[in-house]
Amino acid sequence: MTDAYFIRPLDYAQGRTDKPFKHTFLQSERLLVGLNSLLPGQSQHLHDHPDQDKFYQVLAGEGLFTVGEQQQVCGAGELILAPAGILHGVDNQGDGLLTFLTVIAPFPT
């Protein structure tokens, strides 16, 4: 977890060849704020959070995001909403690093 209150999320972005990169900025019983980076070909498989709402904010790159039955390629500046109980995931089908913020509330137990 980061100790700073003012953060430049892209300063933390990096790729890992063994699995997608994750960094947690804030984790409490109410909220999780983290950064995810996916190299080309990496994905966050479809999953859901039965009792938590989630959103992704794309910071860099492009990815194919799935929420429920809908899919869309999203890039920097786009916001993706995944309400509780709805399957969601992302695939980096591009050529560069895909980096996005992930916010989940309340924090999954």
PDB file of N, CA and C in Angstrom:
ATOM      1  N   MET A   1       0.846  -1.173   0.000  1.00  0.00           N
ATOM      2  CA  MET A   1       0.000   0.000   0.000  1.00  0.00           C
ATOM      3  C   MET A   1       0.892   1.236   0.000  1.00  0.00           C
ATOM      4  N   THR A   2       0.428   2.293  -0.628  1.00  0.00           N
ATOM      5  CA  THR A   2       1.170   3.536  -0.739  1.00  0.00           C
ATOM      6  C   THR A   2       0.924   4.402   0.492  1.00  0.00           C
ATOM      7  N   ASP A   3       1.968   5.088   0.959  1.00  0.00           N
ATOM      8  CA  ASP A   3       1.839   5.967   2.118  1.00  0.00           C
ATOM      9  C   ASP A   3       1.456   7.395   1.738  1.00  0.00           C
ATOM     10  N   ALA A   4       1.469   7.719   0.458  1.00  0.00           N
ATOM     11  CA  ALA A   4       1.231   9.083   0.001  1.00  0.00           C
ATOM     12  C   ALA A   4      -0.264   9.376  -0.110  1.00  0.00           C
ATOM     13  N   TYR A   5      -0.614  10.661   0.018  1.00  0.00           N
ATOM     14  CA  TYR A   5      -1.977  11.111  -0.180  1.00  0.00           C
ATOM     15  C   TYR A   5      -2.190  11.662  -1.583  1.00  0.00           C
ATOM     16  N   PHE A   6      -1.103  12.072  -2.228  1.00  0.00           N
ATOM     17  CA  PHE A   6      -1.161  12.642  -3.572  1.00  0.00           C
ATOM     18  C   PHE A   6      -0.307  11.752  -4.469  1.00  0.00           C
ATOM     19  N   ILE A   7      -0.944  11.157  -5.461  1.00  0.00           N
ATOM     20  CA  ILE A   7      -0.312  10.064  -6.209  1.00  0.00           C
ATOM     21  C   ILE A   7      -0.411  10.310  -7.703  1.00  0.00           C
ATOM     22  N   ARG A   8       0.644   9.979  -8.417  1.00  0.00           N
ATOM     23  CA  ARG A   8       0.637   9.946  -9.875  1.00  0.00           C
ATOM     24  C   ARG A   8       0.615   8.453 -10.248  1.00  0.00           C
ATOM     25  N   PRO A   9      -0.576   7.889 -10.467  1.00  0.00           N
ATOM     26  CA  PRO A   9      -0.690   6.439 -10.645  1.00  0.00           C
ATOM     27  C   PRO A   9       0.218   5.855 -11.724  1.00  0.00           C
ATOM     28  N   LEU A  10       0.401   6.559 -12.837  1.00  0.00           N
ATOM     29  CA  LEU A  10       1.223   6.004 -13.911  1.00  0.00           C
ATOM     30  C   LEU A  10       2.691   5.837 -13.515  1.00  0.00           C
ATOM     31  N   ASP A  11       3.124   6.531 -12.455  1.00  0.00           N
ATOM     32  CA  ASP A  11       4.494   6.341 -11.957  1.00  0.00           C
ATOM     33  C   ASP A  11       4.695   4.919 -11.424  1.00  0.00           C
ATOM     34  N   TYR A  12       3.618   4.236 -11.094  1.00  0.00           N
ATOM     35  CA  TYR A  12       3.687   2.889 -10.526  1.00  0.00           C
ATOM     36  C   TYR A  12       3.494   1.792 -11.580  1.00  0.00           C
ATOM     37  N   ALA A  13       3.065   2.174 -12.767  1.00  0.00           N
ATOM     38  CA  ALA A  13       2.737   1.192 -13.810  1.00  0.00           C
ATOM     39  C   ALA A  13       3.975   0.440 -14.272  1.00  0.00           C
ATOM     40  N   GLN A  14       3.824  -0.858 -14.404  1.00  0.00           N
ATOM     41  CA  GLN A  14       4.886  -1.712 -14.927  1.00  0.00           C
ATOM     42  C   GLN A  14       4.287  -3.032 -15.371  1.00  0.00           C
ATOM     43  N   GLY A  15       4.994  -3.715 -16.231  1.00  0.00           N
ATOM     44  CA  GLY A  15       4.543  -5.015 -16.683  1.00  0.00           C
ATOM     45  C   GLY A  15       5.271  -6.132 -15.961  1.00  0.00           C
ATOM     46  N   ARG A  16       4.598  -7.240 -15.790  1.00  0.00           N
ATOM     47  CA  ARG A  16       5.195  -8.466 -15.251  1.00  0.00           C
ATOM     48  C   ARG A  16       4.901  -9.572 -16.246  1.00  0.00           C
ATOM     49  N   THR A  17       5.898 -10.336 -16.590  1.00  0.00           N
ATOM     50  CA  THR A  17       5.680 -11.399 -17.566  1.00  0.00           C
ATOM     51  C   THR A  17       4.976 -12.610 -16.963  1.00  0.00           C
ATOM     52  N   ASP A  18       5.102 -12.811 -15.643  1.00  0.00           N
ATOM     53  CA  ASP A  18       4.509 -13.991 -15.020  1.00  0.00           C
ATOM     54  C   ASP A  18       3.020 -13.837 -14.715  1.00  0.00           C
ATOM     55  N   LYS A  19       2.547 -12.592 -14.512  1.00  0.00           N
ATOM     56  CA  LYS A  19       1.133 -12.337 -14.231  1.00  0.00           C
ATOM     57  C   LYS A  19       0.888 -10.835 -14.304  1.00  0.00           C
ATOM     58  N   PRO A  20      -0.378 -10.420 -14.422  1.00  0.00           N
ATOM     59  CA  PRO A  20      -0.663  -8.985 -14.441  1.00  0.00           C
ATOM     60  C   PRO A  20      -0.141  -8.300 -13.179  1.00  0.00           C
ATOM     61  N   PHE A  21       0.317  -7.066 -13.352  1.00  0.00           N
ATOM     62  CA  PHE A  21       0.853  -6.278 -12.242  1.00  0.00           C
ATOM     63  C   PHE A  21      -0.292  -5.620 -11.478  1.00  0.00           C
ATOM     64  N   LYS A  22      -0.190  -5.653 -10.146  1.00  0.00           N
ATOM     65  CA  LYS A  22      -1.161  -4.975  -9.286  1.00  0.00           C
ATOM     66  C   LYS A  22      -0.428  -4.191  -8.206  1.00  0.00           C
ATOM     67  N   HIS A  23      -0.934  -3.003  -7.917  1.00  0.00           N
ATOM     68  CA  HIS A  23      -0.417  -2.196  -6.815  1.00  0.00           C
ATOM     69  C   HIS A  23      -1.612  -1.598  -6.081  1.00  0.00           C
ATOM     70  N   THR A  24      -1.647  -1.718  -4.774  1.00  0.00           N
ATOM     71  CA  THR A  24      -2.737  -1.176  -3.963  1.00  0.00           C
ATOM     72  C   THR A  24      -2.324   0.173  -3.398  1.00  0.00           C
ATOM     73  N   PHE A  25      -3.151   1.184  -3.660  1.00  0.00           N
ATOM     74  CA  PHE A  25      -2.923   2.522  -3.109  1.00  0.00           C
ATOM     75  C   PHE A  25      -3.629   2.699  -1.773  1.00  0.00           C
ATOM     76  N   LEU A  26      -4.837   2.151  -1.656  1.00  0.00           N
ATOM     77  CA  LEU A  26      -5.629   2.295  -0.435  1.00  0.00           C
ATOM     78  C   LEU A  26      -6.477   1.051  -0.250  1.00  0.00           C
ATOM     79  N   GLN A  27      -6.447   0.521   0.969  1.00  0.00           N
ATOM     80  CA  GLN A  27      -7.284  -0.631   1.302  1.00  0.00           C
ATOM     81  C   GLN A  27      -7.821  -0.436   2.705  1.00  0.00           C
ATOM     82  N   SER A  28      -9.139  -0.363   2.798  1.00  0.00           N
ATOM     83  CA  SER A  28      -9.794  -0.261   4.100  1.00  0.00           C
ATOM     84  C   SER A  28     -11.005  -1.186   4.064  1.00  0.00           C
ATOM     85  N   GLU A  29     -11.764  -1.221   5.139  1.00  0.00           N
ATOM     86  CA  GLU A  29     -12.955  -2.063   5.132  1.00  0.00           C
ATOM     87  C   GLU A  29     -14.049  -1.472   4.249  1.00  0.00           C
ATOM     88  N   ARG A  30     -13.860  -0.234   3.798  1.00  0.00           N
ATOM     89  CA  ARG A  30     -14.860   0.446   2.977  1.00  0.00           C
ATOM     90  C   ARG A  30     -14.504   0.515   1.499  1.00  0.00           C
ATOM     91  N   LEU A  31     -13.177   0.452   1.181  1.00  0.00           N
ATOM     92  CA  LEU A  31     -12.763   0.789  -0.179  1.00  0.00           C
ATOM     93  C   LEU A  31     -11.425   0.150  -0.527  1.00  0.00           C
ATOM     94  N   LEU A  32     -11.289  -0.252  -1.795  1.00  0.00           N
ATOM     95  CA  LEU A  32     -10.018  -0.694  -2.342  1.00  0.00           C
ATOM     96  C   LEU A  32      -9.736   0.148  -3.576  1.00  0.00           C
ATOM     97  N   VAL A  33      -8.563   0.776  -3.625  1.00  0.00           N
ATOM     98  CA  VAL A  33      -8.124   1.539  -4.789  1.00  0.00           C
ATOM     99  C   VAL A  33      -6.786   0.978  -5.219  1.00  0.00           C
ATOM    100  N   GLY A  34      -6.727   0.486  -6.445  1.00  0.00           N
ATOM    101  CA  GLY A  34      -5.497  -0.120  -6.921  1.00  0.00           C
ATOM    102  C   GLY A  34      -5.218   0.196  -8.373  1.00  0.00           C
ATOM    103  N   LEU A  35      -4.018  -0.151  -8.786  1.00  0.00           N
ATOM    104  CA  LEU A  35      -3.569   0.015 -10.162  1.00  0.00           C
ATOM    105  C   LEU A  35      -3.307  -1.362 -10.742  1.00  0.00           C
ATOM    106  N   ASN A  36      -3.743  -1.577 -11.960  1.00  0.00           N
ATOM    107  CA  ASN A  36      -3.491  -2.825 -12.683  1.00  0.00           C
ATOM    108  C   ASN A  36      -2.810  -2.492 -13.993  1.00  0.00           C
ATOM    109  N   SER A  37      -1.811  -3.283 -14.369  1.00  0.00           N
ATOM    110  CA  SER A  37      -1.151  -3.155 -15.659  1.00  0.00           C
ATOM    111  C   SER A  37      -1.073  -4.529 -16.296  1.00  0.00           C
ATOM    112  N   LEU A  38      -1.506  -4.603 -17.554  1.00  0.00           N
ATOM    113  CA  LEU A  38      -1.497  -5.856 -18.301  1.00  0.00           C
ATOM    114  C   LEU A  38      -0.626  -5.697 -19.537  1.00  0.00           C
ATOM    115  N   LEU A  39       0.298  -6.608 -19.700  1.00  0.00           N
ATOM    116  CA  LEU A  39       1.095  -6.661 -20.925  1.00  0.00           C
ATOM    117  C   LEU A  39       0.223  -7.191 -22.059  1.00  0.00           C
ATOM    118  N   PRO A  40       0.626  -6.971 -23.303  1.00  0.00           N
ATOM    119  CA  PRO A  40      -0.129  -7.549 -24.415  1.00  0.00           C
ATOM    120  C   PRO A  40      -0.333  -9.050 -24.212  1.00  0.00           C
ATOM    121  N   GLY A  41      -1.570  -9.501 -24.417  1.00  0.00           N
ATOM    122  CA  GLY A  41      -1.908 -10.913 -24.260  1.00  0.00           C
ATOM    123  C   GLY A  41      -2.364 -11.290 -22.865  1.00  0.00           C
ATOM    124  N   GLN A  42      -2.156 -10.442 -21.874  1.00  0.00           N
ATOM    125  CA  GLN A  42      -2.603 -10.751 -20.517  1.00  0.00           C
ATOM    126  C   GLN A  42      -4.066 -10.342 -20.339  1.00  0.00           C
ATOM    127  N   SER A  43      -4.715 -10.971 -19.359  1.00  0.00           N
ATOM    128  CA  SER A  43      -6.117 -10.659 -19.118  1.00  0.00           C
ATOM    129  C   SER A  43      -6.457 -10.770 -17.638  1.00  0.00           C
ATOM    130  N   GLN A  44      -7.549 -10.144 -17.297  1.00  0.00           N
ATOM    131  CA  GLN A  44      -8.194 -10.342 -16.005  1.00  0.00           C
ATOM    132  C   GLN A  44      -9.468 -11.112 -16.354  1.00  0.00           C
ATOM    133  N   HIS A  45      -9.497 -12.373 -16.006  1.00  0.00           N
ATOM    134  CA  HIS A  45     -10.583 -13.251 -16.426  1.00  0.00           C
ATOM    135  C   HIS A  45     -11.927 -12.784 -15.886  1.00  0.00           C
ATOM    136  N   LEU A  46     -12.973 -13.201 -16.561  1.00  0.00           N
ATOM    137  CA  LEU A  46     -14.322 -12.854 -16.118  1.00  0.00           C
ATOM    138  C   LEU A  46     -14.545 -13.324 -14.684  1.00  0.00           C
ATOM    139  N   HIS A  47     -15.075 -12.435 -13.877  1.00  0.00           N
ATOM    140  CA  HIS A  47     -15.381 -12.736 -12.482  1.00  0.00           C
ATOM    141  C   HIS A  47     -16.442 -11.739 -12.021  1.00  0.00           C
ATOM    142  N   ASP A  48     -16.956 -11.940 -10.845  1.00  0.00           N
ATOM    143  CA  ASP A  48     -17.884 -10.955 -10.292  1.00  0.00           C
ATOM    144  C   ASP A  48     -17.604 -10.756  -8.811  1.00  0.00           C
ATOM    145  N   HIS A  49     -18.190  -9.731  -8.285  1.00  0.00           N
ATOM    146  CA  HIS A  49     -18.138  -9.431  -6.857  1.00  0.00           C
ATOM    147  C   HIS A  49     -19.600  -9.333  -6.423  1.00  0.00           C
ATOM    148  N   PRO A  50     -20.122 -10.368  -5.769  1.00  0.00           N
ATOM    149  CA  PRO A  50     -21.556 -10.395  -5.455  1.00  0.00           C
ATOM    150  C   PRO A  50     -22.048  -9.216  -4.618  1.00  0.00           C
ATOM    151  N   ASP A  51     -21.174  -8.681  -3.763  1.00  0.00           N
ATOM    152  CA  ASP A  51     -21.610  -7.633  -2.838  1.00  0.00           C
ATOM    153  C   ASP A  51     -20.843  -6.326  -2.985  1.00  0.00           C
ATOM    154  N   GLN A  52     -20.060  -6.190  -4.052  1.00  0.00           N
ATOM    155  CA  GLN A  52     -19.259  -4.981  -4.227  1.00  0.00           C
ATOM    156  C   GLN A  52     -19.460  -4.401  -5.626  1.00  0.00           C
ATOM    157  N   ASP A  53     -19.517  -3.097  -5.689  1.00  0.00           N
ATOM    158  CA  ASP A  53     -19.498  -2.379  -6.953  1.00  0.00           C
ATOM    159  C   ASP A  53     -18.044  -2.091  -7.309  1.00  0.00           C
ATOM    160  N   LYS A  54     -17.767  -1.987  -8.620  1.00  0.00           N
ATOM    161  CA  LYS A  54     -16.400  -1.783  -9.075  1.00  0.00           C
ATOM    162  C   LYS A  54     -16.407  -0.865 -10.283  1.00  0.00           C
ATOM    163  N   PHE A  55     -15.333  -0.085 -10.411  1.00  0.00           N
ATOM    164  CA  PHE A  55     -15.133   0.610 -11.679  1.00  0.00           C
ATOM    165  C   PHE A  55     -13.670   0.582 -12.062  1.00  0.00           C
ATOM    166  N   TYR A  56     -13.462   0.654 -13.374  1.00  0.00           N
ATOM    167  CA  TYR A  56     -12.126   0.777 -13.957  1.00  0.00           C
ATOM    168  C   TYR A  56     -12.025   2.169 -14.580  1.00  0.00           C
ATOM    169  N   GLN A  57     -10.879   2.813 -14.426  1.00  0.00           N
ATOM    170  CA  GLN A  57     -10.577   4.068 -15.119  1.00  0.00           C
ATOM    171  C   GLN A  57      -9.301   3.825 -15.914  1.00  0.00           C
ATOM    172  N   VAL A  58      -9.410   3.798 -17.237  1.00  0.00           N
ATOM    173  CA  VAL A  58      -8.246   3.521 -18.081  1.00  0.00           C
ATOM    174  C   VAL A  58      -7.332   4.748 -18.098  1.00  0.00           C
ATOM    175  N   LEU A  59      -6.058   4.518 -17.782  1.00  0.00           N
ATOM    176  CA  LEU A  59      -5.065   5.587 -17.762  1.00  0.00           C
ATOM    177  C   LEU A  59      -4.190   5.589 -19.004  1.00  0.00           C
ATOM    178  N   ALA A  60      -3.868   4.403 -19.522  1.00  0.00           N
ATOM    179  CA  ALA A  60      -2.986   4.298 -20.693  1.00  0.00           C
ATOM    180  C   ALA A  60      -3.238   2.975 -21.402  1.00  0.00           C
ATOM    181  N   GLY A  61      -3.044   2.971 -22.706  1.00  0.00           N
ATOM    182  CA  GLY A  61      -3.242   1.766 -23.498  1.00  0.00           C
ATOM    183  C   GLY A  61      -4.697   1.558 -23.839  1.00  0.00           C
ATOM    184  N   GLU A  62      -4.987   0.379 -24.415  1.00  0.00           N
ATOM    185  CA  GLU A  62      -6.347   0.002 -24.772  1.00  0.00           C
ATOM    186  C   GLU A  62      -6.597  -1.439 -24.382  1.00  0.00           C
ATOM    187  N   GLY A  63      -7.828  -1.731 -24.017  1.00  0.00           N
ATOM    188  CA  GLY A  63      -8.179  -3.096 -23.666  1.00  0.00           C
ATOM    189  C   GLY A  63      -9.615  -3.396 -24.045  1.00  0.00           C
ATOM    190  N   LEU A  64      -9.904  -4.676 -24.215  1.00  0.00           N
ATOM    191  CA  LEU A  64     -11.266  -5.122 -24.469  1.00  0.00           C
ATOM    192  C   LEU A  64     -11.897  -5.434 -23.120  1.00  0.00           C
ATOM    193  N   PHE A  65     -12.821  -4.584 -22.701  1.00  0.00           N
ATOM    194  CA  PHE A  65     -13.493  -4.739 -21.414  1.00  0.00           C
ATOM    195  C   PHE A  65     -14.837  -5.424 -21.628  1.00  0.00           C
ATOM    196  N   THR A  66     -15.164  -6.330 -20.727  1.00  0.00           N
ATOM    197  CA  THR A  66     -16.439  -7.028 -20.753  1.00  0.00           C
ATOM    198  C   THR A  66     -17.172  -6.726 -19.456  1.00  0.00           C
ATOM    199  N   VAL A  67     -18.434  -6.332 -19.571  1.00  0.00           N
ATOM    200  CA  VAL A  67     -19.316  -6.153 -18.419  1.00  0.00           C
ATOM    201  C   VAL A  67     -20.643  -6.788 -18.807  1.00  0.00           C
ATOM    202  N   GLY A  68     -20.988  -7.868 -18.119  1.00  0.00           N
ATOM    203  CA  GLY A  68     -22.194  -8.601 -18.472  1.00  0.00           C
ATOM    204  C   GLY A  68     -22.074  -9.135 -19.889  1.00  0.00           C
ATOM    205  N   GLU A  69     -23.047  -8.845 -20.718  1.00  0.00           N
ATOM    206  CA  GLU A  69     -23.063  -9.305 -22.108  1.00  0.00           C
ATOM    207  C   GLU A  69     -22.416  -8.300 -23.061  1.00  0.00           C
ATOM    208  N   GLN A  70     -21.964  -7.176 -22.532  1.00  0.00           N
ATOM    209  CA  GLN A  70     -21.417  -6.121 -23.382  1.00  0.00           C
ATOM    210  C   GLN A  70     -19.894  -6.145 -23.385  1.00  0.00           C
ATOM    211  N   GLN A  71     -19.311  -5.876 -24.552  1.00  0.00           N
ATOM    212  CA  GLN A  71     -17.861  -5.761 -24.704  1.00  0.00           C
ATOM    213  C   GLN A  71     -17.551  -4.487 -25.477  1.00  0.00           C
ATOM    214  N   GLN A  72     -16.441  -3.836 -25.080  1.00  0.00           N
ATOM    215  CA  GLN A  72     -16.029  -2.627 -25.781  1.00  0.00           C
ATOM    216  C   GLN A  72     -14.537  -2.416 -25.583  1.00  0.00           C
ATOM    217  N   VAL A  73     -13.873  -1.995 -26.655  1.00  0.00           N
ATOM    218  CA  VAL A  73     -12.475  -1.582 -26.548  1.00  0.00           C
ATOM    219  C   VAL A  73     -12.476  -0.190 -25.943  1.00  0.00           C
ATOM    220  N   CYS A  74     -11.724  -0.024 -24.851  1.00  0.00           N
ATOM    221  CA  CYS A  74     -11.673   1.249 -24.140  1.00  0.00           C
ATOM    222  C   CYS A  74     -10.228   1.684 -23.997  1.00  0.00           C
ATOM    223  N   GLY A  75     -10.024   3.001 -24.057  1.00  0.00           N
ATOM    224  CA  GLY A  75      -8.689   3.564 -23.930  1.00  0.00           C
ATOM    225  C   GLY A  75      -8.635   4.644 -22.872  1.00  0.00           C
ATOM    226  N   ALA A  76      -7.506   5.332 -22.831  1.00  0.00           N
ATOM    227  CA  ALA A  76      -7.245   6.348 -21.809  1.00  0.00           C
ATOM    228  C   ALA A  76      -8.407   7.335 -21.699  1.00  0.00           C
ATOM    229  N   GLY A  77      -8.821   7.571 -20.455  1.00  0.00           N
ATOM    230  CA  GLY A  77      -9.885   8.509 -20.173  1.00  0.00           C
ATOM    231  C   GLY A  77     -11.257   7.877 -20.046  1.00  0.00           C
ATOM    232  N   GLU A  78     -11.381   6.599 -20.405  1.00  0.00           N
ATOM    233  CA  GLU A  78     -12.698   5.963 -20.348  1.00  0.00           C
ATOM    234  C   GLU A  78     -12.927   5.296 -18.989  1.00  0.00           C
ATOM    235  N   LEU A  79     -14.184   5.330 -18.572  1.00  0.00           N
ATOM    236  CA  LEU A  79     -14.629   4.784 -17.298  1.00  0.00           C
ATOM    237  C   LEU A  79     -15.535   3.597 -17.580  1.00  0.00           C
ATOM    238  N   ILE A  80     -15.279   2.479 -16.900  1.00  0.00           N
ATOM    239  CA  ILE A  80     -16.058   1.261 -17.088  1.00  0.00           C
ATOM    240  C   ILE A  80     -16.689   0.908 -15.746  1.00  0.00           C
ATOM    241  N   LEU A  81     -17.999   0.741 -15.710  1.00  0.00           N
ATOM    242  CA  LEU A  81     -18.722   0.450 -14.476  1.00  0.00           C
ATOM    243  C   LEU A  81     -19.121  -1.019 -14.426  1.00  0.00           C
ATOM    244  N   ALA A  82     -18.898  -1.654 -13.288  1.00  0.00           N
ATOM    245  CA  ALA A  82     -19.260  -3.062 -13.083  1.00  0.00           C
ATOM    246  C   ALA A  82     -20.016  -3.182 -11.761  1.00  0.00           C
ATOM    247  N   PRO A  83     -21.350  -3.069 -11.802  1.00  0.00           N
ATOM    248  CA  PRO A  83     -22.138  -3.172 -10.578  1.00  0.00           C
ATOM    249  C   PRO A  83     -22.019  -4.559  -9.935  1.00  0.00           C
ATOM    250  N   ALA A  84     -22.316  -4.628  -8.679  1.00  0.00           N
ATOM    251  CA  ALA A  84     -22.257  -5.882  -7.924  1.00  0.00           C
ATOM    252  C   ALA A  84     -23.013  -6.989  -8.633  1.00  0.00           C
ATOM    253  N   GLY A  85     -22.395  -8.173  -8.670  1.00  0.00           N
ATOM    254  CA  GLY A  85     -23.039  -9.351  -9.221  1.00  0.00           C
ATOM    255  C   GLY A  85     -22.961  -9.502 -10.731  1.00  0.00           C
ATOM    256  N   ILE A  86     -22.373  -8.547 -11.438  1.00  0.00           N
ATOM    257  CA  ILE A  86     -22.270  -8.597 -12.899  1.00  0.00           C
ATOM    258  C   ILE A  86     -20.868  -9.085 -13.280  1.00  0.00           C
ATOM    259  N   LEU A  87     -20.785 -10.099 -14.143  1.00  0.00           N
ATOM    260  CA  LEU A  87     -19.482 -10.584 -14.607  1.00  0.00           C
ATOM    261  C   LEU A  87     -18.751  -9.469 -15.341  1.00  0.00           C
ATOM    262  N   HIS A  88     -17.429  -9.397 -15.101  1.00  0.00           N
ATOM    263  CA  HIS A  88     -16.615  -8.387 -15.768  1.00  0.00           C
ATOM    264  C   HIS A  88     -15.181  -8.884 -15.887  1.00  0.00           C
ATOM    265  N   GLY A  89     -14.455  -8.336 -16.845  1.00  0.00           N
ATOM    266  CA  GLY A  89     -13.062  -8.701 -17.059  1.00  0.00           C
ATOM    267  C   GLY A  89     -12.478  -7.843 -18.162  1.00  0.00           C
ATOM    268  N   VAL A  90     -11.188  -8.050 -18.431  1.00  0.00           N
ATOM    269  CA  VAL A  90     -10.502  -7.241 -19.442  1.00  0.00           C
ATOM    270  C   VAL A  90      -9.393  -8.059 -20.092  1.00  0.00           C
ATOM    271  N   ASP A  91      -9.210  -7.840 -21.395  1.00  0.00           N
ATOM    272  CA  ASP A  91      -8.135  -8.463 -22.166  1.00  0.00           C
ATOM    273  C   ASP A  91      -7.315  -7.376 -22.830  1.00  0.00           C
ATOM    274  N   ASN A  92      -6.001  -7.476 -22.701  1.00  0.00           N
ATOM    275  CA  ASN A  92      -5.133  -6.559 -23.438  1.00  0.00           C
ATOM    276  C   ASN A  92      -4.803  -7.217 -24.767  1.00  0.00           C
ATOM    277  N   GLN A  93      -5.523  -6.831 -25.793  1.00  0.00           N
ATOM    278  CA  GLN A  93      -5.304  -7.368 -27.134  1.00  0.00           C
ATOM    279  C   GLN A  93      -4.427  -6.432 -27.963  1.00  0.00           C
ATOM    280  N   GLY A  94      -3.937  -5.365 -27.339  1.00  0.00           N
ATOM    281  CA  GLY A  94      -3.125  -4.384 -28.049  1.00  0.00           C
ATOM    282  C   GLY A  94      -1.653  -4.735 -28.036  1.00  0.00           C
ATOM    283  N   ASP A  95      -0.848  -3.763 -28.485  1.00  0.00           N
ATOM    284  CA  ASP A  95       0.599  -3.943 -28.589  1.00  0.00           C
ATOM    285  C   ASP A  95       1.369  -3.341 -27.420  1.00  0.00           C
ATOM    286  N   GLY A  96       0.703  -2.546 -26.573  1.00  0.00           N
ATOM    287  CA  GLY A  96       1.398  -1.871 -25.480  1.00  0.00           C
ATOM    288  C   GLY A  96       0.803  -2.214 -24.130  1.00  0.00           C
ATOM    289  N   LEU A  97       1.396  -1.651 -23.098  1.00  0.00           N
ATOM    290  CA  LEU A  97       0.948  -1.853 -21.729  1.00  0.00           C
ATOM    291  C   LEU A  97      -0.413  -1.184 -21.521  1.00  0.00           C
ATOM    292  N   LEU A  98      -1.352  -1.915 -20.951  1.00  0.00           N
ATOM    293  CA  LEU A  98      -2.669  -1.387 -20.575  1.00  0.00           C
ATOM    294  C   LEU A  98      -2.638  -1.135 -19.084  1.00  0.00           C
ATOM    295  N   THR A  99      -2.951   0.096 -18.682  1.00  0.00           N
ATOM    296  CA  THR A  99      -2.911   0.459 -17.265  1.00  0.00           C
ATOM    297  C   THR A  99      -4.228   1.122 -16.877  1.00  0.00           C
ATOM    298  N   PHE A 100      -4.809   0.664 -15.752  1.00  0.00           N
ATOM    299  CA  PHE A 100      -6.086   1.220 -15.309  1.00  0.00           C
ATOM    300  C   PHE A 100      -6.169   1.194 -13.787  1.00  0.00           C
ATOM    301  N   LEU A 101      -6.911   2.167 -13.259  1.00  0.00           N
ATOM    302  CA  LEU A 101      -7.256   2.166 -11.844  1.00  0.00           C
ATOM    303  C   LEU A 101      -8.438   1.231 -11.644  1.00  0.00           C
ATOM    304  N   THR A 102      -8.441   0.564 -10.507  1.00  0.00           N
ATOM    305  CA  THR A 102      -9.562  -0.273 -10.105  1.00  0.00           C
ATOM    306  C   THR A 102     -10.022   0.186  -8.735  1.00  0.00           C
ATOM    307  N   VAL A 103     -11.320   0.436  -8.608  1.00  0.00           N
ATOM    308  CA  VAL A 103     -11.890   0.857  -7.332  1.00  0.00           C
ATOM    309  C   VAL A 103     -13.049  -0.085  -7.019  1.00  0.00           C
ATOM    310  N   ILE A 104     -13.027  -0.648  -5.810  1.00  0.00           N
ATOM    311  CA  ILE A 104     -14.055  -1.588  -5.353  1.00  0.00           C
ATOM    312  C   ILE A 104     -14.566  -1.114  -3.992  1.00  0.00           C
ATOM    313  N   ALA A 105     -15.911  -1.100  -3.852  1.00  0.00           N
ATOM    314  CA  ALA A 105     -16.492  -0.711  -2.578  1.00  0.00           C
ATOM    315  C   ALA A 105     -17.760  -1.519  -2.329  1.00  0.00           C
ATOM    316  N   PRO A 106     -18.032  -1.927  -1.094  1.00  0.00           N
ATOM    317  CA  PRO A 106     -17.048  -1.926  -0.019  1.00  0.00           C
ATOM    318  C   PRO A 106     -15.950  -2.953  -0.299  1.00  0.00           C
ATOM    319  N   PHE A 107     -14.861  -2.887   0.454  1.00  0.00           N
ATOM    320  CA  PHE A 107     -13.750  -3.781   0.235  1.00  0.00           C
ATOM    321  C   PHE A 107     -14.220  -5.226   0.383  1.00  0.00           C
ATOM    322  N   PRO A 108     -13.845  -6.089  -0.588  1.00  0.00           N
ATOM    323  CA  PRO A 108     -14.254  -7.506  -0.494  1.00  0.00           C
ATOM    324  C   PRO A 108     -13.602  -8.219   0.671  1.00  0.00           C
ATOM    325  N   THR A 109     -14.399  -8.958   1.403  1.00  0.00           N
ATOM    326  CA  THR A 109     -13.856  -9.704   2.549  1.00  0.00           C
ATOM    327  C   THR A 109     -13.598 -11.131   2.192  1.00  0.00           C
TER     328      THR A 109
END
